[in-house]
Amino acid sequence: MSGACCLAIGLVFTASPWLVVVAVWVWGFFVVADSAQFSSMVTESAPRHAVGTALTLQTSLGFLLTMATIQLVPMLAGVAGWRWTFAPLAIGPALGILAIARLDRPRPA
């Protein structure tokens, strides 16, 4: 859902500010929900002795990715304009879904 919000936010760019605010709130809700789901999956997928390390790694990489995104967004806005700047951010949730799908496959015995 957060990926869909990345793609759709450009559609409300010139709409009423109230509609933009609601769209951003919805987006923020789903971004926060994604984070909790990924953390839960890490605790279920990592070996018991490495759960703390795996969560630390996930959190650190998340902050690193956020820093890169904060730098990337203004550059994209300069090239494509603010209306379409956030659409490429949908790549992140798409990759997350692919990663989840790989975890869901049965493991060889």
C-alpha atoms as a PDB file:
ATOM      1  CA  MET A   1       0.000   0.000   0.000  1.00  0.00           C
ATOM      2  CA  SER A   2       2.846   2.414   0.697  1.00  0.00           C
ATOM      3  CA  GLY A   3       4.146   1.762  -2.819  1.00  0.00           C
ATOM      4  CA  ALA A   4       0.734   2.572  -4.262  1.00  0.00           C
ATOM      5  CA  CYS A   5       0.787   5.816  -2.289  1.00  0.00           C
ATOM      6  CA  CYS A   6       4.187   6.690  -3.809  1.00  0.00           C
ATOM      7  CA  LEU A   7       2.716   6.227  -7.250  1.00  0.00           C
ATOM      8  CA  ALA A   8      -0.571   7.994  -6.515  1.00  0.00           C
ATOM      9  CA  ILE A   9       0.671  11.082  -4.665  1.00  0.00           C
ATOM     10  CA  GLY A  10       1.464  12.814  -7.947  1.00  0.00           C
ATOM     11  CA  LEU A  11      -2.185  12.479  -8.988  1.00  0.00           C
ATOM     12  CA  VAL A  12      -3.344  14.694  -6.113  1.00  0.00           C
ATOM     13  CA  PHE A  13      -0.477  17.168  -6.486  1.00  0.00           C
ATOM     14  CA  THR A  14      -2.689  19.982  -7.800  1.00  0.00           C
ATOM     15  CA  ALA A  15      -5.782  18.965  -5.829  1.00  0.00           C
ATOM     16  CA  SER A  16      -7.195  20.671  -2.764  1.00  0.00           C
ATOM     17  CA  PRO A  17      -4.623  20.976   0.027  1.00  0.00           C
ATOM     18  CA  TRP A  18      -7.029  19.037   2.246  1.00  0.00           C
ATOM     19  CA  LEU A  19      -6.953  16.094  -0.170  1.00  0.00           C
ATOM     20  CA  VAL A  20      -3.156  16.240  -0.293  1.00  0.00           C
ATOM     21  CA  VAL A  21      -3.000  16.229   3.518  1.00  0.00           C
ATOM     22  CA  VAL A  22      -5.299  13.192   3.715  1.00  0.00           C
ATOM     23  CA  ALA A  23      -3.260  11.373   1.051  1.00  0.00           C
ATOM     24  CA  VAL A  24      -0.001  12.082   2.916  1.00  0.00           C
ATOM     25  CA  TRP A  25      -1.536  10.909   6.212  1.00  0.00           C
ATOM     26  CA  VAL A  26      -2.660   7.657   4.589  1.00  0.00           C
ATOM     27  CA  TRP A  27       0.806   7.237   3.086  1.00  0.00           C
ATOM     28  CA  GLY A  28       2.453   7.874   6.463  1.00  0.00           C
ATOM     29  CA  PHE A  29       0.178   5.326   8.148  1.00  0.00           C
ATOM     30  CA  PHE A  30       1.161   2.598   5.706  1.00  0.00           C
ATOM     31  CA  VAL A  31       4.867   3.453   5.802  1.00  0.00           C
ATOM     32  CA  VAL A  32       4.837   2.996   9.578  1.00  0.00           C
ATOM     33  CA  ALA A  33       2.891  -0.275   9.220  1.00  0.00           C
ATOM     34  CA  ASP A  34       5.443  -1.578   6.693  1.00  0.00           C
ATOM     35  CA  SER A  35       8.266  -0.983   9.152  1.00  0.00           C
ATOM     36  CA  ALA A  36       6.577  -3.017  11.889  1.00  0.00           C
ATOM     37  CA  GLN A  37       5.872  -5.895   9.513  1.00  0.00           C
ATOM     38  CA  PHE A  38       9.482  -6.047   8.356  1.00  0.00           C
ATOM     39  CA  SER A  39      10.748  -6.037  11.939  1.00  0.00           C
ATOM     40  CA  SER A  40       8.344  -8.818  12.861  1.00  0.00           C
ATOM     41  CA  MET A  41       9.493 -10.871   9.884  1.00  0.00           C
ATOM     42  CA  VAL A  42      13.127 -10.422  10.884  1.00  0.00           C
ATOM     43  CA  THR A  43      12.408 -11.776  14.370  1.00  0.00           C
ATOM     44  CA  GLU A  44      10.653 -14.802  12.860  1.00  0.00           C
ATOM     45  CA  SER A  45      13.215 -15.491  10.120  1.00  0.00           C
ATOM     46  CA  ALA A  46      16.547 -14.907  11.828  1.00  0.00           C
ATOM     47  CA  PRO A  47      18.158 -17.636  13.927  1.00  0.00           C
ATOM     48  CA  ARG A  48      17.363 -17.106  17.612  1.00  0.00           C
ATOM     49  CA  HIS A  49      20.970 -16.291  18.500  1.00  0.00           C
ATOM     50  CA  ALA A  50      21.125 -13.566  15.796  1.00  0.00           C
ATOM     51  CA  VAL A  51      17.773 -11.778  16.202  1.00  0.00           C
ATOM     52  CA  GLY A  52      19.285  -8.739  17.941  1.00  0.00           C
ATOM     53  CA  THR A  53      22.022  -8.433  15.341  1.00  0.00           C
ATOM     54  CA  ALA A  54      19.528  -8.840  12.488  1.00  0.00           C
ATOM     55  CA  LEU A  55      17.232  -6.147  13.923  1.00  0.00           C
ATOM     56  CA  THR A  56      20.210  -3.815  14.424  1.00  0.00           C
ATOM     57  CA  LEU A  57      21.316  -4.389  10.847  1.00  0.00           C
ATOM     58  CA  GLN A  58      17.798  -3.813   9.533  1.00  0.00           C
ATOM     59  CA  THR A  59      17.388  -0.598  11.517  1.00  0.00           C
ATOM     60  CA  SER A  60      20.804   0.720  10.488  1.00  0.00           C
ATOM     61  CA  LEU A  61      20.213  -0.024   6.816  1.00  0.00           C
ATOM     62  CA  GLY A  62      16.774   1.591   7.073  1.00  0.00           C
ATOM     63  CA  PHE A  63      18.293   4.809   8.411  1.00  0.00           C
ATOM     64  CA  LEU A  64      21.010   4.718   5.731  1.00  0.00           C
ATOM     65  CA  LEU A  65      18.375   4.284   3.030  1.00  0.00           C
ATOM     66  CA  THR A  66      16.370   7.153   4.516  1.00  0.00           C
ATOM     67  CA  MET A  67      19.408   9.427   4.391  1.00  0.00           C
ATOM     68  CA  ALA A  68      20.028   8.500   0.755  1.00  0.00           C
ATOM     69  CA  THR A  69      16.381   9.108  -0.097  1.00  0.00           C
ATOM     70  CA  ILE A  70      16.405  12.525   1.567  1.00  0.00           C
ATOM     71  CA  GLN A  71      19.330  13.465  -0.680  1.00  0.00           C
ATOM     72  CA  LEU A  72      17.777  11.882  -3.787  1.00  0.00           C
ATOM     73  CA  VAL A  73      14.295  13.437  -3.617  1.00  0.00           C
ATOM     74  CA  PRO A  74      15.372  17.067  -4.243  1.00  0.00           C
ATOM     75  CA  MET A  75      17.571  15.929  -7.137  1.00  0.00           C
ATOM     76  CA  LEU A  76      14.631  14.070  -8.692  1.00  0.00           C
ATOM     77  CA  ALA A  77      12.447  17.125  -8.174  1.00  0.00           C
ATOM     78  CA  GLY A  78      14.973  19.228 -10.076  1.00  0.00           C
ATOM     79  CA  VAL A  79      14.814  16.825 -13.009  1.00  0.00           C
ATOM     80  CA  ALA A  80      11.180  15.686 -13.090  1.00  0.00           C
ATOM     81  CA  GLY A  81       9.364  18.275 -10.958  1.00  0.00           C
ATOM     82  CA  TRP A  82       7.744  17.649  -7.584  1.00  0.00           C
ATOM     83  CA  ARG A  83       4.618  16.077  -9.071  1.00  0.00           C
ATOM     84  CA  TRP A  84       6.445  12.879 -10.141  1.00  0.00           C
ATOM     85  CA  THR A  85       9.356  12.906  -7.704  1.00  0.00           C
ATOM     86  CA  PHE A  86       7.906  10.328  -5.330  1.00  0.00           C
ATOM     87  CA  ALA A  87       6.884   7.685  -7.884  1.00  0.00           C
ATOM     88  CA  PRO A  88      10.372   6.103  -8.058  1.00  0.00           C
ATOM     89  CA  LEU A  89      10.215   5.563  -4.296  1.00  0.00           C
ATOM     90  CA  ALA A  90       7.719   2.754  -5.025  1.00  0.00           C
ATOM     91  CA  ILE A  91      10.742   0.644  -5.972  1.00  0.00           C
ATOM     92  CA  GLY A  92      11.499   0.167  -2.257  1.00  0.00           C
ATOM     93  CA  PRO A  93       8.160  -1.408  -1.311  1.00  0.00           C
ATOM     94  CA  ALA A  94       8.251  -3.505  -4.498  1.00  0.00           C
ATOM     95  CA  LEU A  95      11.656  -4.896  -3.509  1.00  0.00           C
ATOM     96  CA  GLY A  96      10.305  -5.511  -0.009  1.00  0.00           C
ATOM     97  CA  ILE A  97       7.456  -7.588  -1.430  1.00  0.00           C
ATOM     98  CA  LEU A  98       9.940  -9.609  -3.489  1.00  0.00           C
ATOM     99  CA  ALA A  99      12.050 -10.220  -0.381  1.00  0.00           C
ATOM    100  CA  ILE A 100       8.981 -11.335   1.564  1.00  0.00           C
ATOM    101  CA  ALA A 101       7.990 -13.699  -1.227  1.00  0.00           C
ATOM    102  CA  ARG A 102      11.435 -15.312  -1.047  1.00  0.00           C
ATOM    103  CA  LEU A 103      11.072 -15.815   2.712  1.00  0.00           C
ATOM    104  CA  ASP A 104       7.654 -17.416   2.250  1.00  0.00           C
ATOM    105  CA  ARG A 105       8.990 -20.217   0.022  1.00  0.00           C
ATOM    106  CA  PRO A 106       9.390 -23.627   1.661  1.00  0.00           C
ATOM    107  CA  ARG A 107      12.971 -24.300   2.707  1.00  0.00           C
ATOM    108  CA  PRO A 108      14.709 -27.529   1.708  1.00  0.00           C
ATOM    109  CA  ALA A 109      14.942 -30.052   4.519  1.00  0.00           C
END
